[in-house]
């Protein structure tokens, strides 16, 4: 017997704001809300939920887990520009100039990567 990935929990200072960013980034919709909690899920199709949970302390260190995104309707540069327009920013986590991915951070500083098209190498 195996497990399936149901949700990824994200501790944050502002669940509503962070959920809005990720809904726009991933074409997700809010599926549940309660005090200190906002859950989002794919608008269509399958995929894991993201659950944003209010915590009192700010994020202080590099993520131990991060999301890797791949553009669905554009190239990597176009997707990075779109995500930056939503509030993401480029960050340096020591990745070096030779990598094919771009490291960004969401509005609360959680790092994630935008991967190149697999046909680009």
Protein backbone atom coordinates (compact mmCIF):
# COMPACT_ATOMS: atom_id res chain seq x y z
CA UNK A 1 0.00 0.00 0.00
CA UNK A 2 1.24 3.54 -0.74
CA UNK A 3 0.31 7.09 0.14
CA UNK A 4 -0.75 9.88 -2.20
CA UNK A 5 0.18 13.53 -1.86
CA UNK A 6 -2.93 15.36 -0.70
CA UNK A 7 -1.70 18.81 0.33
CA UNK A 8 1.39 20.86 0.98
CA UNK A 9 1.14 22.95 4.15
CA UNK A 10 2.77 26.38 4.13
CA UNK A 11 3.27 28.31 7.36
CA UNK A 12 2.85 32.03 6.74
CA UNK A 13 2.07 35.43 8.25
CA UNK A 14 -0.82 36.28 5.88
CA UNK A 15 -2.69 33.21 4.58
CA UNK A 16 -5.21 35.22 2.55
CA UNK A 17 -2.60 37.26 0.68
CA UNK A 18 -0.29 34.32 0.04
CA UNK A 19 -3.20 32.16 -1.14
CA UNK A 20 -4.19 34.89 -3.64
CA UNK A 21 -0.63 34.97 -5.03
CA UNK A 22 -0.50 31.19 -5.47
CA UNK A 23 -4.04 31.04 -6.92
CA UNK A 24 -2.91 33.50 -9.61
CA UNK A 25 0.41 31.74 -10.13
CA UNK A 26 -1.05 28.23 -10.47
CA UNK A 27 -4.63 28.82 -11.69
CA UNK A 28 -5.92 27.46 -8.38
CA UNK A 29 -9.08 28.44 -6.50
CA UNK A 30 -9.85 28.74 -2.81
CA UNK A 31 -11.47 25.54 -1.57
CA UNK A 32 -11.60 26.23 2.16
CA UNK A 33 -11.19 29.02 4.67
CA UNK A 34 -11.24 29.30 8.43
CA UNK A 35 -9.57 31.58 10.94
CA UNK A 36 -5.84 31.39 10.24
CA UNK A 37 -6.26 29.03 7.29
CA UNK A 38 -6.83 29.23 3.53
CA UNK A 39 -6.72 26.13 1.34
CA UNK A 40 -6.40 26.26 -2.45
CA UNK A 41 -6.71 23.59 -5.13
CA UNK A 42 -6.51 23.33 -8.92
CA UNK A 43 -9.32 25.13 -10.74
CA UNK A 44 -9.46 22.19 -13.14
CA UNK A 45 -7.78 18.81 -13.19
CA UNK A 46 -5.74 17.10 -10.54
CA UNK A 47 -2.93 18.24 -8.33
CA UNK A 48 -2.07 18.72 -4.68
CA UNK A 49 -3.78 21.32 -2.54
CA UNK A 50 -1.79 24.09 -0.89
CA UNK A 51 -2.86 24.88 2.67
CA UNK A 52 -1.73 28.22 4.09
CA UNK A 53 -1.58 28.30 7.88
CA UNK A 54 -1.11 31.38 10.05
CA UNK A 55 1.95 31.34 12.30
CA UNK A 56 3.16 34.19 14.52
CA UNK A 57 6.84 34.14 13.55
CA UNK A 58 8.34 35.37 10.26
CA UNK A 59 10.26 33.08 7.92
CA UNK A 60 13.96 33.33 8.81
CA UNK A 61 15.92 30.68 6.88
CA UNK A 62 16.07 29.12 3.42
CA UNK A 63 13.26 26.67 2.66
CA UNK A 64 13.96 22.99 3.26
CA UNK A 65 11.27 22.16 0.70
CA UNK A 66 10.35 24.17 -2.37
CA UNK A 67 8.08 23.96 -5.40
CA UNK A 68 9.37 23.58 -8.96
CA UNK A 69 7.13 25.16 -11.60
CA UNK A 70 7.21 24.76 -15.37
CA UNK A 71 5.49 27.20 -17.73
CA UNK A 72 2.39 25.74 -19.37
CA UNK A 73 1.58 28.41 -21.95
CA UNK A 74 4.79 30.34 -22.51
CA UNK A 75 8.55 30.00 -22.25
CA UNK A 76 10.56 30.25 -19.04
CA UNK A 77 11.32 33.97 -19.47
CA UNK A 78 7.65 34.76 -20.07
CA UNK A 79 6.60 32.77 -17.03
CA UNK A 80 9.21 34.42 -14.81
CA UNK A 81 8.00 37.85 -15.97
CA UNK A 82 4.37 36.88 -15.26
CA UNK A 83 5.21 35.64 -11.77
CA UNK A 84 7.24 38.78 -11.05
CA UNK A 85 4.22 40.87 -12.08
CA UNK A 86 2.19 38.96 -9.46
CA UNK A 87 4.69 39.82 -6.71
CA UNK A 88 7.46 37.22 -6.94
CA UNK A 89 11.07 38.38 -6.92
CA UNK A 90 14.34 36.82 -8.05
CA UNK A 91 16.56 35.47 -5.29
CA UNK A 92 20.04 34.04 -5.08
CA UNK A 93 20.31 30.87 -3.02
CA UNK A 94 23.76 30.06 -4.36
CA UNK A 95 22.50 28.45 -7.57
CA UNK A 96 25.27 29.87 -9.80
CA UNK A 97 25.05 31.14 -13.38
CA UNK A 98 25.19 27.73 -15.10
CA UNK A 99 21.79 26.44 -13.91
CA UNK A 100 18.81 26.24 -16.27
CA UNK A 101 16.21 27.21 -13.67
CA UNK A 102 15.31 30.59 -12.18
CA UNK A 103 14.89 30.91 -8.41
CA UNK A 104 12.10 33.21 -7.26
CA UNK A 105 10.52 33.97 -3.90
CA UNK A 106 6.81 34.47 -3.26
CA UNK A 107 5.63 37.59 -1.38
CA UNK A 108 6.58 36.04 1.99
CA UNK A 109 10.03 34.97 0.80
CA UNK A 110 9.39 31.26 0.17
CA UNK A 111 11.72 30.15 -2.61
CA UNK A 112 10.50 28.28 -5.68
CA UNK A 113 12.00 27.51 -9.07
CA UNK A 114 10.81 28.03 -12.62
CA UNK A 115 12.25 25.26 -14.72
CA UNK A 116 13.29 25.56 -18.36
CA UNK A 117 11.38 23.74 -21.06
CA UNK A 118 12.60 20.12 -20.99
CA UNK A 119 13.43 20.41 -24.69
CA UNK A 120 15.84 23.25 -23.88
CA UNK A 121 18.18 20.90 -22.09
